[in-house]
Amino acid sequence: MATMLLNVSSLTKSYGDRRAVDGISFQVRQGLTLYPN
């Protein structure tokens, strides 16, 4: 099993009164490539 590097739970982001992100969750494990280098 790969090592967990990042665990995000119930993330929200607002700009003033407007909520742009509402309760997303995700995990990033070691060895996962997010973007090309």
PDB file of N, CA and C in Angstrom:
ATOM      1  N   MET A   1       0.843  -1.183   0.000  1.00  0.00           N
ATOM      2  CA  MET A   1       0.000   0.000   0.000  1.00  0.00           C
ATOM      3  C   MET A   1       0.884   1.240   0.000  1.00  0.00           C
ATOM      4  N   ALA A   2       0.545   2.217  -0.821  1.00  0.00           N
ATOM      5  CA  ALA A   2       1.323   3.454  -0.929  1.00  0.00           C
ATOM      6  C   ALA A   2       1.083   4.344   0.288  1.00  0.00           C
ATOM      7  N   THR A   3       2.096   5.124   0.630  1.00  0.00           N
ATOM      8  CA  THR A   3       2.017   6.045   1.757  1.00  0.00           C
ATOM      9  C   THR A   3       1.117   7.226   1.411  1.00  0.00           C
ATOM     10  N   MET A   4       0.249   7.575   2.358  1.00  0.00           N
ATOM     11  CA  MET A   4      -0.632   8.734   2.186  1.00  0.00           C
ATOM     12  C   MET A   4       0.175   9.997   2.448  1.00  0.00           C
ATOM     13  N   LEU A   5       0.255  10.897   1.448  1.00  0.00           N
ATOM     14  CA  LEU A   5       0.985  12.153   1.598  1.00  0.00           C
ATOM     15  C   LEU A   5       0.073  13.302   1.986  1.00  0.00           C
ATOM     16  N   LEU A   6      -1.167  13.276   1.507  1.00  0.00           N
ATOM     17  CA  LEU A   6      -2.093  14.382   1.747  1.00  0.00           C
ATOM     18  C   LEU A   6      -3.508  13.834   1.847  1.00  0.00           C
ATOM     19  N   ASN A   7      -4.230  14.264   2.870  1.00  0.00           N
ATOM     20  CA  ASN A   7      -5.626  13.875   3.051  1.00  0.00           C
ATOM     21  C   ASN A   7      -6.430  15.142   3.332  1.00  0.00           C
ATOM     22  N   VAL A   8      -7.321  15.502   2.416  1.00  0.00           N
ATOM     23  CA  VAL A   8      -8.149  16.705   2.557  1.00  0.00           C
ATOM     24  C   VAL A   8      -9.593  16.246   2.723  1.00  0.00           C
ATOM     25  N   SER A   9     -10.269  16.804   3.731  1.00  0.00           N
ATOM     26  CA  SER A   9     -11.640  16.403   4.018  1.00  0.00           C
ATOM     27  C   SER A   9     -12.521  17.634   4.216  1.00  0.00           C
ATOM     28  N   SER A  10     -13.615  17.692   3.496  1.00  0.00           N
ATOM     29  CA  SER A  10     -14.625  18.758   3.629  1.00  0.00           C
ATOM     30  C   SER A  10     -14.056  20.151   3.393  1.00  0.00           C
ATOM     31  N   LEU A  11     -13.271  20.303   2.342  1.00  0.00           N
ATOM     32  CA  LEU A  11     -12.665  21.590   2.000  1.00  0.00           C
ATOM     33  C   LEU A  11     -13.709  22.537   1.417  1.00  0.00           C
ATOM     34  N   THR A  12     -13.708  23.775   1.901  1.00  0.00           N
ATOM     35  CA  THR A  12     -14.563  24.816   1.335  1.00  0.00           C
ATOM     36  C   THR A  12     -13.725  26.051   1.053  1.00  0.00           C
ATOM     37  N   LYS A  13     -14.129  26.826   0.048  1.00  0.00           N
ATOM     38  CA  LYS A  13     -13.460  28.084  -0.294  1.00  0.00           C
ATOM     39  C   LYS A  13     -14.521  29.063  -0.763  1.00  0.00           C
ATOM     40  N   SER A  14     -14.515  30.244  -0.154  1.00  0.00           N
ATOM     41  CA  SER A  14     -15.477  31.283  -0.514  1.00  0.00           C
ATOM     42  C   SER A  14     -14.753  32.545  -0.927  1.00  0.00           C
ATOM     43  N   TYR A  15     -15.390  33.287  -1.827  1.00  0.00           N
ATOM     44  CA  TYR A  15     -14.940  34.613  -2.239  1.00  0.00           C
ATOM     45  C   TYR A  15     -16.080  35.563  -1.905  1.00  0.00           C
ATOM     46  N   GLY A  16     -15.956  36.262  -0.786  1.00  0.00           N
ATOM     47  CA  GLY A  16     -17.060  37.089  -0.316  1.00  0.00           C
ATOM     48  C   GLY A  16     -18.236  36.196   0.044  1.00  0.00           C
ATOM     49  N   ASP A  17     -19.399  36.485  -0.527  1.00  0.00           N
ATOM     50  CA  ASP A  17     -20.598  35.687  -0.272  1.00  0.00           C
ATOM     51  C   ASP A  17     -20.734  34.488  -1.206  1.00  0.00           C
ATOM     52  N   ARG A  18     -19.837  34.362  -2.190  1.00  0.00           N
ATOM     53  CA  ARG A  18     -19.934  33.286  -3.181  1.00  0.00           C
ATOM     54  C   ARG A  18     -19.037  32.116  -2.783  1.00  0.00           C
ATOM     55  N   ARG A  19     -19.637  30.943  -2.627  1.00  0.00           N
ATOM     56  CA  ARG A  19     -18.871  29.741  -2.300  1.00  0.00           C
ATOM     57  C   ARG A  19     -18.424  29.075  -3.594  1.00  0.00           C
ATOM     58  N   ALA A  20     -17.116  28.984  -3.799  1.00  0.00           N
ATOM     59  CA  ALA A  20     -16.554  28.411  -5.022  1.00  0.00           C
ATOM     60  C   ALA A  20     -16.355  26.899  -4.900  1.00  0.00           C
ATOM     61  N   VAL A  21     -16.009  26.432  -3.714  1.00  0.00           N
ATOM     62  CA  VAL A  21     -15.796  25.009  -3.438  1.00  0.00           C
ATOM     63  C   VAL A  21     -16.604  24.678  -2.194  1.00  0.00           C
ATOM     64  N   ASP A  22     -17.351  23.582  -2.242  1.00  0.00           N
ATOM     65  CA  ASP A  22     -18.239  23.260  -1.124  1.00  0.00           C
ATOM     66  C   ASP A  22     -18.095  21.803  -0.705  1.00  0.00           C
ATOM     67  N   GLY A  23     -17.197  21.550   0.229  1.00  0.00           N
ATOM     68  CA  GLY A  23     -17.110  20.242   0.866  1.00  0.00           C
ATOM     69  C   GLY A  23     -16.461  19.138   0.062  1.00  0.00           C
ATOM     70  N   ILE A  24     -15.436  19.429  -0.727  1.00  0.00           N
ATOM     71  CA  ILE A  24     -14.759  18.351  -1.460  1.00  0.00           C
ATOM     72  C   ILE A  24     -13.743  17.655  -0.555  1.00  0.00           C
ATOM     73  N   SER A  25     -13.483  16.401  -0.841  1.00  0.00           N
ATOM     74  CA  SER A  25     -12.495  15.609  -0.113  1.00  0.00           C
ATOM     75  C   SER A  25     -11.664  14.837  -1.125  1.00  0.00           C
ATOM     76  N   PHE A  26     -10.371  14.675  -0.847  1.00  0.00           N
ATOM     77  CA  PHE A  26      -9.513  13.877  -1.716  1.00  0.00           C
ATOM     78  C   PHE A  26      -8.271  13.435  -0.962  1.00  0.00           C
ATOM     79  N   GLN A  27      -7.589  12.447  -1.519  1.00  0.00           N
ATOM     80  CA  GLN A  27      -6.350  11.924  -0.949  1.00  0.00           C
ATOM     81  C   GLN A  27      -5.296  11.848  -2.043  1.00  0.00           C
ATOM     82  N   VAL A  28      -4.039  12.072  -1.658  1.00  0.00           N
ATOM     83  CA  VAL A  28      -2.912  11.937  -2.578  1.00  0.00           C
ATOM     84  C   VAL A  28      -1.946  10.935  -1.967  1.00  0.00           C
ATOM     85  N   ARG A  29      -1.661   9.900  -2.712  1.00  0.00           N
ATOM     86  CA  ARG A  29      -0.741   8.857  -2.243  1.00  0.00           C
ATOM     87  C   ARG A  29       0.629   9.033  -2.895  1.00  0.00           C
ATOM     88  N   GLN A  30       1.655   8.538  -2.232  1.00  0.00           N
ATOM     89  CA  GLN A  30       3.017   8.597  -2.747  1.00  0.00           C
ATOM     90  C   GLN A  30       3.079   7.899  -4.103  1.00  0.00           C
ATOM     91  N   GLY A  31       3.772   8.528  -5.053  1.00  0.00           N
ATOM     92  CA  GLY A  31       3.945   7.948  -6.373  1.00  0.00           C
ATOM     93  C   GLY A  31       2.914   8.412  -7.387  1.00  0.00           C
ATOM     94  N   LEU A  32       1.886   9.128  -6.941  1.00  0.00           N
ATOM     95  CA  LEU A  32       0.873   9.645  -7.849  1.00  0.00           C
ATOM     96  C   LEU A  32       1.371  10.929  -8.479  1.00  0.00           C
ATOM     97  N   THR A  33       1.343  11.002  -9.799  1.00  0.00           N
ATOM     98  CA  THR A  33       1.759  12.212 -10.496  1.00  0.00           C
ATOM     99  C   THR A  33       0.530  13.066 -10.765  1.00  0.00           C
ATOM    100  N   LEU A  34       0.543  14.302 -10.269  1.00  0.00           N
ATOM    101  CA  LEU A  34      -0.586  15.201 -10.480  1.00  0.00           C
ATOM    102  C   LEU A  34      -0.461  15.963 -11.783  1.00  0.00           C
ATOM    103  N   TYR A  35       0.733  16.421 -12.120  1.00  0.00           N
ATOM    104  CA  TYR A  35       0.988  17.193 -13.333  1.00  0.00           C
ATOM    105  C   TYR A  35       2.300  16.715 -13.948  1.00  0.00           C
ATOM    106  N   PRO A  36       2.426  16.827 -15.262  1.00  0.00           N
ATOM    107  CA  PRO A  36       3.700  16.461 -15.883  1.00  0.00           C
ATOM    108  C   PRO A  36       4.824  17.371 -15.389  1.00  0.00           C
ATOM    109  N   ASN A  37       5.977  16.805 -15.242  1.00  0.00           N
ATOM    110  CA  ASN A  37       7.154  17.586 -14.809  1.00  0.00           C
ATOM    111  C   ASN A  37       7.852  18.195 -15.989  1.00  0.00           C
TER     112      ASN A  37
END
